[in-house]
C-alpha atoms as a PDB file:
ATOM      1  CA  UNK A   1     -13.958 -14.869   2.206  1.00  0.00           C
ATOM      2  CA  UNK A   2     -13.583 -17.304   4.218  1.00  0.00           C
ATOM      3  CA  UNK A   3     -10.647 -17.950   7.185  1.00  0.00           C
ATOM      4  CA  UNK A   4      -9.853 -21.803   8.099  1.00  0.00           C
ATOM      5  CA  UNK A   5      -8.106 -22.245  11.787  1.00  0.00           C
ATOM      6  CA  UNK A   6      -5.204 -25.583  10.891  1.00  0.00           C
ATOM      7  CA  UNK A   7      -1.446 -25.131  11.515  1.00  0.00           C
ATOM      8  CA  UNK A   8      -0.803 -22.646   8.416  1.00  0.00           C
ATOM      9  CA  UNK A   9       0.186 -19.099  10.150  1.00  0.00           C
ATOM     10  CA  UNK A  10      -3.153 -16.034  10.291  1.00  0.00           C
ATOM     11  CA  UNK A  11      -0.839 -14.365   7.934  1.00  0.00           C
ATOM     12  CA  UNK A  12      -0.068 -17.576   5.400  1.00  0.00           C
ATOM     13  CA  UNK A  13      -3.941 -17.994   6.263  1.00  0.00           C
ATOM     14  CA  UNK A  14      -4.405 -13.913   5.348  1.00  0.00           C
ATOM     15  CA  UNK A  15      -2.586 -14.338   2.059  1.00  0.00           C
ATOM     16  CA  UNK A  16      -4.041 -18.773   1.089  1.00  0.00           C
ATOM     17  CA  UNK A  17      -8.010 -17.048   1.467  1.00  0.00           C
ATOM     18  CA  UNK A  18      -6.700 -13.552  -0.487  1.00  0.00           C
ATOM     19  CA  UNK A  19      -5.151 -15.572  -2.978  1.00  0.00           C
ATOM     20  CA  UNK A  20      -8.853 -17.495  -4.171  1.00  0.00           C
ATOM     21  CA  UNK A  21     -10.376 -14.284  -3.627  1.00  0.00           C
ATOM     22  CA  UNK A  22      -7.972 -12.479  -6.014  1.00  0.00           C
ATOM     23  CA  UNK A  23      -8.610 -15.542  -8.403  1.00  0.00           C
ATOM     24  CA  UNK A  24     -11.870 -14.101  -8.952  1.00  0.00           C
ATOM     25  CA  UNK A  25     -10.837 -10.331 -10.305  1.00  0.00           C
ATOM     26  CA  UNK A  26      -9.585  -8.582 -13.430  1.00  0.00           C
ATOM     27  CA  UNK A  27      -6.024  -7.339 -13.388  1.00  0.00           C
ATOM     28  CA  UNK A  28      -5.718  -4.313 -11.821  1.00  0.00           C
ATOM     29  CA  UNK A  29      -8.970  -4.620  -9.454  1.00  0.00           C
ATOM     30  CA  UNK A  30      -7.896  -2.914  -6.220  1.00  0.00           C
ATOM     31  CA  UNK A  31      -8.038  -4.953  -2.767  1.00  0.00           C
ATOM     32  CA  UNK A  32     -10.075  -3.741   0.467  1.00  0.00           C
ATOM     33  CA  UNK A  33      -7.976  -1.910   2.129  1.00  0.00           C
ATOM     34  CA  UNK A  34      -5.642  -3.032   5.071  1.00  0.00           C
ATOM     35  CA  UNK A  35      -8.351  -2.063   7.639  1.00  0.00           C
ATOM     36  CA  UNK A  36     -10.984  -3.469   6.145  1.00  0.00           C
ATOM     37  CA  UNK A  37      -9.064  -7.047   5.706  1.00  0.00           C
ATOM     38  CA  UNK A  38      -8.530  -6.862   9.688  1.00  0.00           C
ATOM     39  CA  UNK A  39     -11.628  -6.334  10.318  1.00  0.00           C
ATOM     40  CA  UNK A  40     -13.323  -9.411   8.209  1.00  0.00           C
ATOM     41  CA  UNK A  41     -10.738 -11.700   8.984  1.00  0.00           C
ATOM     42  CA  UNK A  42     -11.036 -10.379  13.239  1.00  0.00           C
ATOM     43  CA  UNK A  43      -6.818 -10.465  12.518  1.00  0.00           C
ATOM     44  CA  UNK A  44      -4.368  -8.120  13.638  1.00  0.00           C
ATOM     45  CA  UNK A  45      -3.782  -5.062  11.036  1.00  0.00           C
ATOM     46  CA  UNK A  46       0.155  -6.359  10.914  1.00  0.00           C
ATOM     47  CA  UNK A  47      -1.236  -9.903  10.514  1.00  0.00           C
ATOM     48  CA  UNK A  48      -2.502  -9.316   7.260  1.00  0.00           C
ATOM     49  CA  UNK A  49      -0.474  -6.732   6.544  1.00  0.00           C
ATOM     50  CA  UNK A  50       2.652  -9.960   6.429  1.00  0.00           C
ATOM     51  CA  UNK A  51      -0.219 -12.246   4.467  1.00  0.00           C
ATOM     52  CA  UNK A  52      -0.213  -8.875   1.415  1.00  0.00           C
ATOM     53  CA  UNK A  53       3.531  -8.454   1.641  1.00  0.00           C
ATOM     54  CA  UNK A  54       3.134 -12.575   0.773  1.00  0.00           C
ATOM     55  CA  UNK A  55       1.660 -11.815  -2.491  1.00  0.00           C
ATOM     56  CA  UNK A  56       3.006  -9.245  -3.397  1.00  0.00           C
ATOM     57  CA  UNK A  57       5.951 -11.275  -2.949  1.00  0.00           C
ATOM     58  CA  UNK A  58       4.500 -13.897  -5.136  1.00  0.00           C
ATOM     59  CA  UNK A  59       3.593 -11.117  -7.710  1.00  0.00           C
ATOM     60  CA  UNK A  60      -0.154 -11.868  -7.193  1.00  0.00           C
ATOM     61  CA  UNK A  61      -0.268  -8.360  -6.442  1.00  0.00           C
ATOM     62  CA  UNK A  62       1.179  -4.790  -6.226  1.00  0.00           C
ATOM     63  CA  UNK A  63       1.057  -1.917  -4.122  1.00  0.00           C
ATOM     64  CA  UNK A  64       0.588   1.259  -5.121  1.00  0.00           C
ATOM     65  CA  UNK A  65       1.471   3.499  -2.080  1.00  0.00           C
ATOM     66  CA  UNK A  66      -1.331   4.991   0.087  1.00  0.00           C
ATOM     67  CA  UNK A  67      -3.030   3.989  -2.793  1.00  0.00           C
ATOM     68  CA  UNK A  68      -3.837   0.220  -2.043  1.00  0.00           C
ATOM     69  CA  UNK A  69      -3.323  -2.339  -3.668  1.00  0.00           C
ATOM     70  CA  UNK A  70      -4.040  -4.182  -6.625  1.00  0.00           C
ATOM     71  CA  UNK A  71      -4.216  -7.209  -8.872  1.00  0.00           C
ATOM     72  CA  UNK A  72      -1.499  -7.537 -10.668  1.00  0.00           C
ATOM     73  CA  UNK A  73      -1.051  -6.875 -14.531  1.00  0.00           C
ATOM     74  CA  UNK A  74      -3.216  -3.753 -14.237  1.00  0.00           C
ATOM     75  CA  UNK A  75      -3.134  -0.280 -14.139  1.00  0.00           C
ATOM     76  CA  UNK A  76      -2.144   0.283 -10.055  1.00  0.00           C
ATOM     77  CA  UNK A  77       1.102   1.302 -12.478  1.00  0.00           C
ATOM     78  CA  UNK A  78      -0.171   4.400 -13.002  1.00  0.00           C
ATOM     79  CA  UNK A  79      -1.514   5.078  -9.739  1.00  0.00           C
ATOM     80  CA  UNK A  80       1.870   4.948  -8.767  1.00  0.00           C
ATOM     81  CA  UNK A  81       3.152   7.328 -11.146  1.00  0.00           C
ATOM     82  CA  UNK A  82       0.453  10.387  -9.929  1.00  0.00           C
ATOM     83  CA  UNK A  83       1.832   8.866  -6.446  1.00  0.00           C
ATOM     84  CA  UNK A  84       5.175   9.988  -7.524  1.00  0.00           C
ATOM     85  CA  UNK A  85       4.189  13.034  -8.945  1.00  0.00           C
ATOM     86  CA  UNK A  86       1.945  13.963  -5.713  1.00  0.00           C
ATOM     87  CA  UNK A  87       5.549  13.205  -3.815  1.00  0.00           C
ATOM     88  CA  UNK A  88       7.512  15.242  -6.169  1.00  0.00           C
ATOM     89  CA  UNK A  89       4.944  18.597  -6.574  1.00  0.00           C
ATOM     90  CA  UNK A  90       4.841  17.996  -2.311  1.00  0.00           C
ATOM     91  CA  UNK A  91       9.319  18.298  -2.444  1.00  0.00           C
ATOM     92  CA  UNK A  92       9.364  20.713  -4.049  1.00  0.00           C
ATOM     93  CA  UNK A  93       6.795  22.928  -2.040  1.00  0.00           C
ATOM     94  CA  UNK A  94       9.004  21.765   1.101  1.00  0.00           C
ATOM     95  CA  UNK A  95      12.696  22.976  -0.129  1.00  0.00           C
ATOM     96  CA  UNK A  96      11.522  26.199  -1.094  1.00  0.00           C
ATOM     97  CA  UNK A  97       9.970  26.933   2.267  1.00  0.00           C
ATOM     98  CA  UNK A  98      13.267  25.342   3.818  1.00  0.00           C
ATOM     99  CA  UNK A  99      14.682  28.326   1.374  1.00  0.00           C
ATOM    100  CA  UNK A 100      12.597  30.701   2.258  1.00  0.00           C
ATOM    101  CA  UNK A 101      13.603  29.991   5.985  1.00  0.00           C
ATOM    102  CA  UNK A 102      17.232  30.249   4.743  1.00  0.00           C
ATOM    103  CA  UNK A 103      16.722  33.065   3.289  1.00  0.00           C
ATOM    104  CA  UNK A 104      14.929  35.225   6.473  1.00  0.00           C
ATOM    105  CA  UNK A 105      17.342  33.793   9.107  1.00  0.00           C
ATOM    106  CA  UNK A 106      20.441  35.089   6.594  1.00  0.00           C
ATOM    107  CA  UNK A 107      19.274  38.484   6.751  1.00  0.00           C
ATOM    108  CA  UNK A 108      17.872  38.374  10.559  1.00  0.00           C
ATOM    109  CA  UNK A 109      21.780  36.798  12.213  1.00  0.00           C
ATOM    110  CA  UNK A 110      23.485  39.396   9.140  1.00  0.00           C
END
């Protein structure tokens, strides 16, 4: 995949190059990480992120948070569900920890 220079913004060039690559990919297939793409294109991470945002807005790719970006129409939703369950578990553990600390504080302060 190559990015050709021209009057378009760098983010648009990234989106165009990725769109071409995505045409050869299967739905649900994971894209390279933002860092890998930044290295590949030689652009800043924010520029690549902006290009990916364009593709998400077009519905070409779907984001699954920390799991990455996936070609639309595939298994990205399952990854999001797993991530939501993990976040809920972490929130529950933090809630229990806060309750424990509040209990200790109330017992010590009374």
